C-alpha atoms as a PDB file:
ATOM      1  CA  MET A   1     -24.265 -13.846  19.538  1.00  0.00           C
ATOM      2  CA  THR A   2     -25.742 -10.421  20.498  1.00  0.00           C
ATOM      3  CA  ALA A   3     -23.952  -7.403  21.843  1.00  0.00           C
ATOM      4  CA  ALA A   4     -26.544  -5.845  24.215  1.00  0.00           C
ATOM      5  CA  HIS A   5     -24.180  -3.876  26.457  1.00  0.00           C
ATOM      6  CA  THR A   6     -24.308   0.010  26.221  1.00  0.00           C
ATOM      7  CA  PRO A   7     -20.725   1.242  25.792  1.00  0.00           C
ATOM      8  CA  GLN A   8     -19.438   3.884  28.255  1.00  0.00           C
ATOM      9  CA  ARG A   9     -18.300   7.285  26.891  1.00  0.00           C
ATOM     10  CA  THR A  10     -14.663   7.647  26.247  1.00  0.00           C
ATOM     11  CA  PRO A  11     -12.515  10.214  24.227  1.00  0.00           C
ATOM     12  CA  TRP A  12     -11.057   7.360  22.276  1.00  0.00           C
ATOM     13  CA  LEU A  13     -14.230   6.426  20.500  1.00  0.00           C
ATOM     14  CA  VAL A  14     -16.592   8.541  18.244  1.00  0.00           C
ATOM     15  CA  PRO A  15     -19.824   6.685  17.488  1.00  0.00           C
ATOM     16  CA  TYR A  16     -21.024   6.952  13.832  1.00  0.00           C
ATOM     17  CA  ALA A  17     -23.752   4.145  13.920  1.00  0.00           C
ATOM     18  CA  THR A  18     -25.444   2.784  17.013  1.00  0.00           C
ATOM     19  CA  ARG A  19     -28.112   0.139  17.368  1.00  0.00           C
ATOM     20  CA  THR A  20     -30.310  -1.166  20.232  1.00  0.00           C
ATOM     21  CA  ALA A  21     -28.809  -4.717  20.181  1.00  0.00           C
ATOM     22  CA  PRO A  22     -25.999  -4.944  17.683  1.00  0.00           C
ATOM     23  CA  ALA A  23     -24.521  -8.244  16.549  1.00  0.00           C
ATOM     24  CA  TYR A  24     -20.991  -6.635  16.359  1.00  0.00           C
ATOM     25  CA  ARG A  25     -19.156  -3.411  16.607  1.00  0.00           C
ATOM     26  CA  MET A  26     -16.807  -2.226  13.918  1.00  0.00           C
ATOM     27  CA  VAL A  27     -13.970  -0.019  15.137  1.00  0.00           C
ATOM     28  CA  CYS A  28     -12.057   2.136  12.591  1.00  0.00           C
ATOM     29  CA  PHE A  29      -8.215   2.992  13.039  1.00  0.00           C
ATOM     30  CA  PRO A  30      -7.522   6.263  11.089  1.00  0.00           C
ATOM     31  CA  HIS A  31      -4.186   6.661   9.042  1.00  0.00           C
ATOM     32  CA  ALA A  32      -1.215   8.856   9.928  1.00  0.00           C
ATOM     33  CA  GLY A  33      -2.306  12.311  10.473  1.00  0.00           C
ATOM     34  CA  GLY A  34      -5.941  11.141  10.305  1.00  0.00           C
ATOM     35  CA  SER A  35      -8.724  11.564  12.626  1.00  0.00           C
ATOM     36  CA  ALA A  36     -12.191  10.136  13.395  1.00  0.00           C
ATOM     37  CA  SER A  37     -13.864  12.829  11.175  1.00  0.00           C
ATOM     38  CA  TYR A  38     -12.269  11.283   8.014  1.00  0.00           C
ATOM     39  CA  TYR A  39     -14.366   8.095   8.045  1.00  0.00           C
ATOM     40  CA  PRO A  40     -18.105   8.800   8.653  1.00  0.00           C
ATOM     41  CA  TRP A  41     -18.732   7.648   5.076  1.00  0.00           C
ATOM     42  CA  LEU A  42     -18.322   4.052   6.495  1.00  0.00           C
ATOM     43  CA  ARG A  43     -21.825   4.251   7.980  1.00  0.00           C
ATOM     44  CA  GLU A  44     -23.188   3.569   4.451  1.00  0.00           C
ATOM     45  CA  ALA A  45     -21.286   0.136   4.526  1.00  0.00           C
ATOM     46  CA  VAL A  46     -22.393  -1.074   7.921  1.00  0.00           C
ATOM     47  CA  PRO A  47     -25.561  -3.373   7.779  1.00  0.00           C
ATOM     48  CA  ASP A  48     -28.352  -2.719  10.167  1.00  0.00           C
ATOM     49  CA  GLU A  49     -27.101  -5.304  12.608  1.00  0.00           C
ATOM     50  CA  GLY A  50     -23.719  -3.572  13.206  1.00  0.00           C
ATOM     51  CA  GLU A  51     -22.344  -0.515  14.899  1.00  0.00           C
ATOM     52  CA  LEU A  52     -19.593   1.787  13.753  1.00  0.00           C
ATOM     53  CA  TYR A  53     -17.093   3.592  15.965  1.00  0.00           C
ATOM     54  CA  CYS A  54     -13.996   5.531  14.936  1.00  0.00           C
ATOM     55  CA  LEU A  55     -10.895   5.965  17.120  1.00  0.00           C
ATOM     56  CA  GLN A  56      -9.830   9.461  17.917  1.00  0.00           C
ATOM     57  CA  TYR A  57      -6.176   9.450  18.705  1.00  0.00           C
ATOM     58  CA  PRO A  58      -4.768  12.057  21.179  1.00  0.00           C
ATOM     59  CA  GLY A  59      -3.523  15.232  19.797  1.00  0.00           C
ATOM     60  CA  ARG A  60      -6.217  15.956  17.255  1.00  0.00           C
ATOM     61  CA  GLN A  61      -9.587  17.814  16.964  1.00  0.00           C
ATOM     62  CA  GLU A  62     -11.387  17.588  20.350  1.00  0.00           C
ATOM     63  CA  ARG A  63      -8.202  15.945  21.815  1.00  0.00           C
ATOM     64  CA  ARG A  64      -5.974  18.500  20.499  1.00  0.00           C
ATOM     65  CA  GLY A  65      -4.940  19.523  24.003  1.00  0.00           C
ATOM     66  CA  GLU A  66      -3.570  16.001  24.867  1.00  0.00           C
ATOM     67  CA  PRO A  67       0.039  15.109  23.801  1.00  0.00           C
ATOM     68  CA  PRO A  68       0.124  12.753  20.915  1.00  0.00           C
ATOM     69  CA  ILE A  69       1.493   9.271  21.514  1.00  0.00           C
ATOM     70  CA  GLU A  70       4.701   8.463  19.655  1.00  0.00           C
ATOM     71  CA  GLU A  71       5.601   5.076  20.834  1.00  0.00           C
ATOM     72  CA  PHE A  72       3.852   2.064  18.986  1.00  0.00           C
ATOM     73  CA  PRO A  73       3.522  -0.302  22.006  1.00  0.00           C
ATOM     74  CA  ARG A  74       2.244   2.364  24.213  1.00  0.00           C
ATOM     75  CA  MET A  75      -0.448   3.337  21.579  1.00  0.00           C
ATOM     76  CA  VAL A  76      -1.632  -0.307  21.174  1.00  0.00           C
ATOM     77  CA  ALA A  77      -1.769  -0.700  24.921  1.00  0.00           C
ATOM     78  CA  ALA A  78      -3.778   2.475  25.306  1.00  0.00           C
ATOM     79  CA  ILE A  79      -6.289   1.511  22.519  1.00  0.00           C
ATOM     80  CA  THR A  80      -6.576  -2.046  23.982  1.00  0.00           C
ATOM     81  CA  HIS A  81      -7.301  -0.603  27.337  1.00  0.00           C
ATOM     82  CA  ALA A  82      -9.933   1.636  25.967  1.00  0.00           C
ATOM     83  CA  LEU A  83     -11.759  -1.144  23.987  1.00  0.00           C
ATOM     84  CA  THR A  84     -11.763  -3.570  26.786  1.00  0.00           C
ATOM     85  CA  SER A  85     -13.007  -0.835  29.157  1.00  0.00           C
ATOM     86  CA  VAL A  86     -15.878   0.076  26.886  1.00  0.00           C
ATOM     87  CA  PHE A  87     -17.101  -3.141  25.406  1.00  0.00           C
ATOM     88  CA  GLY A  88     -18.189  -6.239  27.073  1.00  0.00           C
ATOM     89  CA  ALA A  89     -15.838  -9.201  27.194  1.00  0.00           C
ATOM     90  CA  GLN A  90     -18.110 -11.385  24.916  1.00  0.00           C
ATOM     91  CA  GLU A  91     -19.106  -8.653  22.425  1.00  0.00           C
ATOM     92  CA  PRO A  92     -17.659  -9.250  18.898  1.00  0.00           C
ATOM     93  CA  LEU A  93     -15.507  -6.568  17.386  1.00  0.00           C
ATOM     94  CA  VAL A  94     -14.572  -6.034  13.795  1.00  0.00           C
ATOM     95  CA  LEU A  95     -11.445  -3.951  13.564  1.00  0.00           C
ATOM     96  CA  TYR A  96     -10.577  -1.865  10.301  1.00  0.00           C
ATOM     97  CA  GLY A  97      -7.311   0.134   9.766  1.00  0.00           C
ATOM     98  CA  HIS A  98      -6.078   2.086   6.901  1.00  0.00           C
ATOM     99  CA  SER A  99      -2.254   2.705   6.383  1.00  0.00           C
ATOM    100  CA  LEU A 100      -0.748   3.118   9.795  1.00  0.00           C
ATOM    101  CA  GLY A 101      -4.087   2.193  11.157  1.00  0.00           C
ATOM    102  CA  SER A 102      -3.778  -1.252   9.574  1.00  0.00           C
ATOM    103  CA  VAL A 103      -0.859  -2.286  11.866  1.00  0.00           C
ATOM    104  CA  LEU A 104      -2.323  -0.522  14.738  1.00  0.00           C
ATOM    105  CA  ALA A 105      -5.594  -2.590  14.175  1.00  0.00           C
ATOM    106  CA  PHE A 106      -3.510  -5.868  13.544  1.00  0.00           C
ATOM    107  CA  GLU A 107      -1.603  -5.496  16.776  1.00  0.00           C
ATOM    108  CA  THR A 108      -4.694  -4.433  18.761  1.00  0.00           C
ATOM    109  CA  ALA A 109      -6.477  -7.521  17.375  1.00  0.00           C
ATOM    110  CA  ARG A 110      -3.501  -9.656  18.675  1.00  0.00           C
ATOM    111  CA  ALA A 111      -3.687  -7.958  22.106  1.00  0.00           C
ATOM    112  CA  LEU A 112      -7.500  -8.604  22.403  1.00  0.00           C
ATOM    113  CA  GLU A 113      -7.240 -12.134  21.324  1.00  0.00           C
ATOM    114  CA  GLN A 114      -4.543 -12.697  23.908  1.00  0.00           C
ATOM    115  CA  ARG A 115      -7.094 -11.451  26.460  1.00  0.00           C
ATOM    116  CA  HIS A 116      -9.765 -13.864  25.154  1.00  0.00           C
ATOM    117  CA  ARG A 117     -11.837 -11.136  23.563  1.00  0.00           C
ATOM    118  CA  THR A 118     -13.804 -11.926  20.451  1.00  0.00           C
ATOM    119  CA  VAL A 119     -12.381 -10.356  17.303  1.00  0.00           C
ATOM    120  CA  LEU A 120     -14.827 -11.338  14.658  1.00  0.00           C
ATOM    121  CA  GLY A 121     -12.733 -10.075  11.733  1.00  0.00           C
ATOM    122  CA  LEU A 122      -9.909  -7.787  10.772  1.00  0.00           C
ATOM    123  CA  ILE A 123      -9.940  -5.573   7.725  1.00  0.00           C
ATOM    124  CA  VAL A 124      -6.745  -3.716   6.561  1.00  0.00           C
ATOM    125  CA  SER A 125      -5.850  -1.373   3.654  1.00  0.00           C
ATOM    126  CA  GLY A 126      -3.237   0.822   2.316  1.00  0.00           C
ATOM    127  CA  ARG A 127      -0.309  -0.941   4.155  1.00  0.00           C
ATOM    128  CA  ARG A 128       2.140  -3.684   3.301  1.00  0.00           C
ATOM    129  CA  ALA A 129       2.075  -6.832   5.580  1.00  0.00           C
ATOM    130  CA  PRO A 130       4.040  -6.691   8.666  1.00  0.00           C
ATOM    131  CA  CYS A 131       6.501  -9.272   7.463  1.00  0.00           C
ATOM    132  CA  VAL A 132       7.384  -7.141   4.463  1.00  0.00           C
ATOM    133  CA  ARG A 133      10.480  -4.769   5.019  1.00  0.00           C
ATOM    134  CA  PRO A 134       9.833  -1.226   3.872  1.00  0.00           C
ATOM    135  CA  ARG A 135      11.456  -0.246   0.571  1.00  0.00           C
ATOM    136  CA  HIS A 136      12.066   3.274   1.878  1.00  0.00           C
ATOM    137  CA  PRO A 137      10.846   5.558   4.644  1.00  0.00           C
ATOM    138  CA  VAL A 138       7.512   7.298   3.841  1.00  0.00           C
ATOM    139  CA  ALA A 139       8.985  10.425   5.468  1.00  0.00           C
ATOM    140  CA  ASP A 140      11.620  11.683   7.948  1.00  0.00           C
ATOM    141  CA  ALA A 141       9.580  12.654  11.087  1.00  0.00           C
ATOM    142  CA  ARG A 142      12.162  15.073  12.127  1.00  0.00           C
ATOM    143  CA  ASP A 143      11.752  17.079   8.987  1.00  0.00           C
ATOM    144  CA  ASP A 144       8.473  19.054   8.686  1.00  0.00           C
ATOM    145  CA  GLU A 145       8.897  19.410   4.910  1.00  0.00           C
ATOM    146  CA  SER A 146       9.530  15.775   4.451  1.00  0.00           C
ATOM    147  CA  VAL A 147       6.219  14.963   6.373  1.00  0.00           C
ATOM    148  CA  LEU A 148       4.325  17.579   4.348  1.00  0.00           C
ATOM    149  CA  ALA A 149       5.706  16.174   1.105  1.00  0.00           C
ATOM    150  CA  ALA A 150       4.595  12.779   2.002  1.00  0.00           C
ATOM    151  CA  MET A 151       1.126  13.818   2.750  1.00  0.00           C
ATOM    152  CA  ARG A 152       1.027  15.631  -0.563  1.00  0.00           C
ATOM    153  CA  ARG A 153       2.258  12.564  -2.363  1.00  0.00           C
ATOM    154  CA  LEU A 154      -0.066  10.240  -0.854  1.00  0.00           C
ATOM    155  CA  GLY A 155      -3.115  12.563  -1.087  1.00  0.00           C
ATOM    156  CA  GLY A 156      -4.491  12.230   2.456  1.00  0.00           C
ATOM    157  CA  VAL A 157      -4.951  15.913   2.945  1.00  0.00           C
ATOM    158  CA  GLU A 158      -6.348  18.542   0.577  1.00  0.00           C
ATOM    159  CA  PRO A 159      -3.360  20.673  -0.960  1.00  0.00           C
ATOM    160  CA  ALA A 160      -5.008  23.803   0.162  1.00  0.00           C
ATOM    161  CA  VAL A 161      -4.864  22.661   3.813  1.00  0.00           C
ATOM    162  CA  LEU A 162      -1.215  21.975   3.650  1.00  0.00           C
ATOM    163  CA  ASP A 163      -0.577  25.239   1.962  1.00  0.00           C
ATOM    164  CA  ASP A 164      -2.215  27.281   4.740  1.00  0.00           C
ATOM    165  CA  PRO A 165       0.487  28.236   7.485  1.00  0.00           C
ATOM    166  CA  ASP A 166      -2.068  28.452  10.234  1.00  0.00           C
ATOM    167  CA  VAL A 167      -3.673  25.122   9.432  1.00  0.00           C
ATOM    168  CA  ARG A 168      -0.270  23.503   9.096  1.00  0.00           C
ATOM    169  CA  GLU A 169       0.717  24.524  12.604  1.00  0.00           C
ATOM    170  CA  LEU A 170      -2.450  22.918  13.874  1.00  0.00           C
ATOM    171  CA  ILE A 171      -1.965  19.547  12.070  1.00  0.00           C
ATOM    172  CA  LEU A 172       1.954  19.160  12.075  1.00  0.00           C
ATOM    173  CA  PRO A 173       2.201  17.921  15.763  1.00  0.00           C
ATOM    174  CA  ALA A 174      -0.115  15.071  15.110  1.00  0.00           C
ATOM    175  CA  LEU A 175       1.546  14.344  11.779  1.00  0.00           C
ATOM    176  CA  ARG A 176       5.075  14.238  13.325  1.00  0.00           C
ATOM    177  CA  ALA A 177       3.928  12.035  16.122  1.00  0.00           C
ATOM    178  CA  ASP A 178       2.233   9.622  13.775  1.00  0.00           C
ATOM    179  CA  PHE A 179       5.290   9.199  11.579  1.00  0.00           C
ATOM    180  CA  ARG A 180       7.419   8.646  14.729  1.00  0.00           C
ATOM    181  CA  LEU A 181       4.881   6.111  15.748  1.00  0.00           C
ATOM    182  CA  ALA A 182       5.193   4.286  12.519  1.00  0.00           C
ATOM    183  CA  ASP A 183       9.022   4.312  12.971  1.00  0.00           C
ATOM    184  CA  THR A 184       8.763   2.506  16.326  1.00  0.00           C
ATOM    185  CA  TYR A 185       6.721  -0.369  14.976  1.00  0.00           C
ATOM    186  CA  ALA A 186       8.875  -3.588  15.251  1.00  0.00           C
ATOM    187  CA  PRO A 187       6.582  -6.483  14.328  1.00  0.00           C
ATOM    188  CA  GLU A 188       7.115  -9.727  16.116  1.00  0.00           C
ATOM    189  CA  ARG A 189       8.305 -12.493  13.842  1.00  0.00           C
ATOM    190  CA  GLY A 190       5.544 -14.846  12.848  1.00  0.00           C
ATOM    191  CA  ALA A 191       2.840 -12.652  14.469  1.00  0.00           C
ATOM    192  CA  SER A 192      -0.630 -13.570  13.420  1.00  0.00           C
ATOM    193  CA  VAL A 193      -4.251 -13.391  14.539  1.00  0.00           C
ATOM    194  CA  ARG A 194      -6.931 -16.104  14.559  1.00  0.00           C
ATOM    195  CA  ALA A 195      -9.591 -13.725  13.130  1.00  0.00           C
ATOM    196  CA  PRO A 196     -10.288 -13.902   9.341  1.00  0.00           C
ATOM    197  CA  LEU A 197      -8.464 -11.139   7.550  1.00  0.00           C
ATOM    198  CA  THR A 198      -9.682  -8.982   4.539  1.00  0.00           C
ATOM    199  CA  VAL A 199      -7.099  -6.925   2.552  1.00  0.00           C
ATOM    200  CA  LEU A 200      -8.102  -4.004   0.365  1.00  0.00           C
ATOM    201  CA  ASN A 201      -5.345  -2.585  -1.799  1.00  0.00           C
ATOM    202  CA  GLY A 202      -5.428   0.310  -4.361  1.00  0.00           C
ATOM    203  CA  ASN A 203      -3.972  -0.709  -7.857  1.00  0.00           C
ATOM    204  CA  ALA A 204      -2.116   2.539  -8.077  1.00  0.00           C
ATOM    205  CA  ASP A 205      -0.890   2.857  -4.597  1.00  0.00           C
ATOM    206  CA  PRO A 206       2.720   4.062  -4.752  1.00  0.00           C
ATOM    207  CA  GLN A 207       3.331   2.734  -1.220  1.00  0.00           C
ATOM    208  CA  VAL A 208       2.016  -0.913  -1.419  1.00  0.00           C
ATOM    209  CA  SER A 209       2.508  -3.346  -4.261  1.00  0.00           C
ATOM    210  CA  ALA A 210       0.141  -6.303  -4.913  1.00  0.00           C
ATOM    211  CA  ALA A 211       2.709  -8.729  -3.567  1.00  0.00           C
ATOM    212  CA  GLU A 212       3.204  -6.547  -0.455  1.00  0.00           C
ATOM    213  CA  ALA A 213      -0.555  -6.560   0.160  1.00  0.00           C
ATOM    214  CA  ALA A 214      -0.986 -10.236  -0.478  1.00  0.00           C
ATOM    215  CA  ALA A 215       1.727 -11.117   2.023  1.00  0.00           C
ATOM    216  CA  TRP A 216      -0.943 -10.440   4.722  1.00  0.00           C
ATOM    217  CA  HIS A 217      -2.077 -13.943   4.364  1.00  0.00           C
ATOM    218  CA  ARG A 218       0.940 -14.898   6.529  1.00  0.00           C
ATOM    219  CA  HIS A 219      -0.545 -13.198   9.518  1.00  0.00           C
ATOM    220  CA  THR A 220      -3.730 -15.027  10.178  1.00  0.00           C
ATOM    221  CA  THR A 221      -4.910 -18.581  10.786  1.00  0.00           C
ATOM    222  CA  GLY A 222      -8.462 -17.618   9.999  1.00  0.00           C
ATOM    223  CA  GLY A 223      -8.321 -17.182   6.302  1.00  0.00           C
ATOM    224  CA  CYS A 224      -7.438 -14.221   4.122  1.00  0.00           C
ATOM    225  CA  ALA A 225      -9.386 -12.443   1.358  1.00  0.00           C
ATOM    226  CA  ILE A 226      -7.471 -10.051  -0.863  1.00  0.00           C
ATOM    227  CA  HIS A 227      -9.364  -7.398  -2.996  1.00  0.00           C
ATOM    228  CA  THR A 228      -7.726  -5.079  -5.434  1.00  0.00           C
ATOM    229  CA  VAL A 229      -9.638  -1.845  -6.045  1.00  0.00           C
ATOM    230  CA  GLU A 230      -9.218   1.184  -8.472  1.00  0.00           C
ATOM    231  CA  GLY A 231      -7.181   4.096  -6.990  1.00  0.00           C
ATOM    232  CA  GLY A 232      -4.128   5.133  -5.057  1.00  0.00           C
ATOM    233  CA  HIS A 233      -3.231   5.151  -1.357  1.00  0.00           C
ATOM    234  CA  PHE A 234      -6.551   6.679  -0.522  1.00  0.00           C
ATOM    235  CA  PHE A 235      -8.504   4.589  -3.043  1.00  0.00           C
ATOM    236  CA  PHE A 236     -11.804   5.167  -1.328  1.00  0.00           C
ATOM    237  CA  HIS A 237     -11.921   8.579  -2.972  1.00  0.00           C
ATOM    238  CA  ALA A 238     -11.718   6.929  -6.508  1.00  0.00           C
ATOM    239  CA  ASP A 239     -14.741   4.441  -6.448  1.00  0.00           C
ATOM    240  CA  ARG A 240     -16.479   4.962  -3.122  1.00  0.00           C
ATOM    241  CA  ALA A 241     -19.406   2.676  -4.277  1.00  0.00           C
ATOM    242  CA  ALA A 242     -17.151  -0.268  -5.038  1.00  0.00           C
ATOM    243  CA  VAL A 243     -15.326   0.167  -1.753  1.00  0.00           C
ATOM    244  CA  LEU A 244     -18.527   0.407   0.217  1.00  0.00           C
ATOM    245  CA  ALA A 245     -19.811  -2.872  -1.453  1.00  0.00           C
ATOM    246  CA  HIS A 246     -16.519  -4.658  -0.398  1.00  0.00           C
ATOM    247  CA  PHE A 247     -17.098  -3.504   3.232  1.00  0.00           C
ATOM    248  CA  THR A 248     -20.805  -4.515   3.301  1.00  0.00           C
ATOM    249  CA  ASP A 249     -20.149  -7.843   1.768  1.00  0.00           C
ATOM    250  CA  THR A 250     -17.363  -8.578   4.201  1.00  0.00           C
ATOM    251  CA  LEU A 251     -19.427  -7.423   7.154  1.00  0.00           C
ATOM    252  CA  ARG A 252     -22.412  -9.525   6.189  1.00  0.00           C
ATOM    253  CA  LYS A 253     -20.343 -12.632   5.976  1.00  0.00           C
ATOM    254  CA  LEU A 254     -18.696 -11.942   9.368  1.00  0.00           C
ATOM    255  CA  SER A 255     -22.076 -11.259  10.853  1.00  0.00           C
ATOM    256  CA  ALA A 256     -23.549 -14.550   9.580  1.00  0.00           C
ATOM    257  CA  GLY A 257     -21.024 -16.343  11.560  1.00  0.00           C
ATOM    258  CA  THR A 258     -22.273 -14.771  14.713  1.00  0.00           C
ATOM    259  CA  ARG A 259     -25.864 -16.024  13.987  1.00  0.00           C
ATOM    260  CA  ASP A 260     -25.047 -19.764  12.792  1.00  0.00           C
ATOM    261  CA  GLY A 261     -22.161 -20.292  15.260  1.00  0.00           C
ATOM    262  CA  LYS A 262     -19.780 -21.313  12.432  1.00  0.00           C
ATOM    263  CA  PRO A 263     -16.416 -19.616  11.909  1.00  0.00           C
ATOM    264  CA  PRO A 264     -16.876 -16.671   9.581  1.00  0.00           C
ATOM    265  CA  HIS A 265     -15.385 -16.901   5.974  1.00  0.00           C
ATOM    266  CA  THR A 266     -14.705 -13.724   4.039  1.00  0.00           C
ATOM    267  CA  GLY A 267     -13.031 -15.233   0.870  1.00  0.00           C
END
């Protein structure tokens, strides 16, 4: 299966690796407070037959003038609309999400499958499975200091950035919105995807235990591979080479399924 359609331009998608006739397109879903500019390193993981795009949520960087989306169902609907408008109906997609992006990617995969779109694979990291109740809130979205403390604890933003009052004022609206967005996520009981699922989990992540990561296997009928890697919540800063190797191996296995017509297996 070959994706030959040239995507239309949209503010939702930042292209990081494009090909003439890609076998699939990988779409990255950033974490809370994150943006497309956080993930260009993933280019190194995508084999020559694949493309890489990263979502740019409203309210940040070049979309700073747009109001952030604070309701989970509305965000999923907007992302799904963007992807179905830009990519052809038969073009295989691989979705990757980190932290908040994991559940956004999961619910978008469900929405795409319900529309008979091809989700070749789903990769998630830094997030407990939807069926696992949170042990405690990550932050109180109504309290800026709580939001900033959470970002310092998780390590997603350089401390110097959070200490700069001017920069804080620029990033806080999107951070508040993303934590409110997370608060409005109400997973459907028994929700699952048909796509094969790959889970990456940092062995020192204070937010996600090994058991909470392993519970993702309940959310797919297509097989689930779980990998524990060195590092905390943002483990890809700890051993980038090992993380890239996991991505490349997973993408090659998924891509092989598009060539031989067999269901991909990532285990």
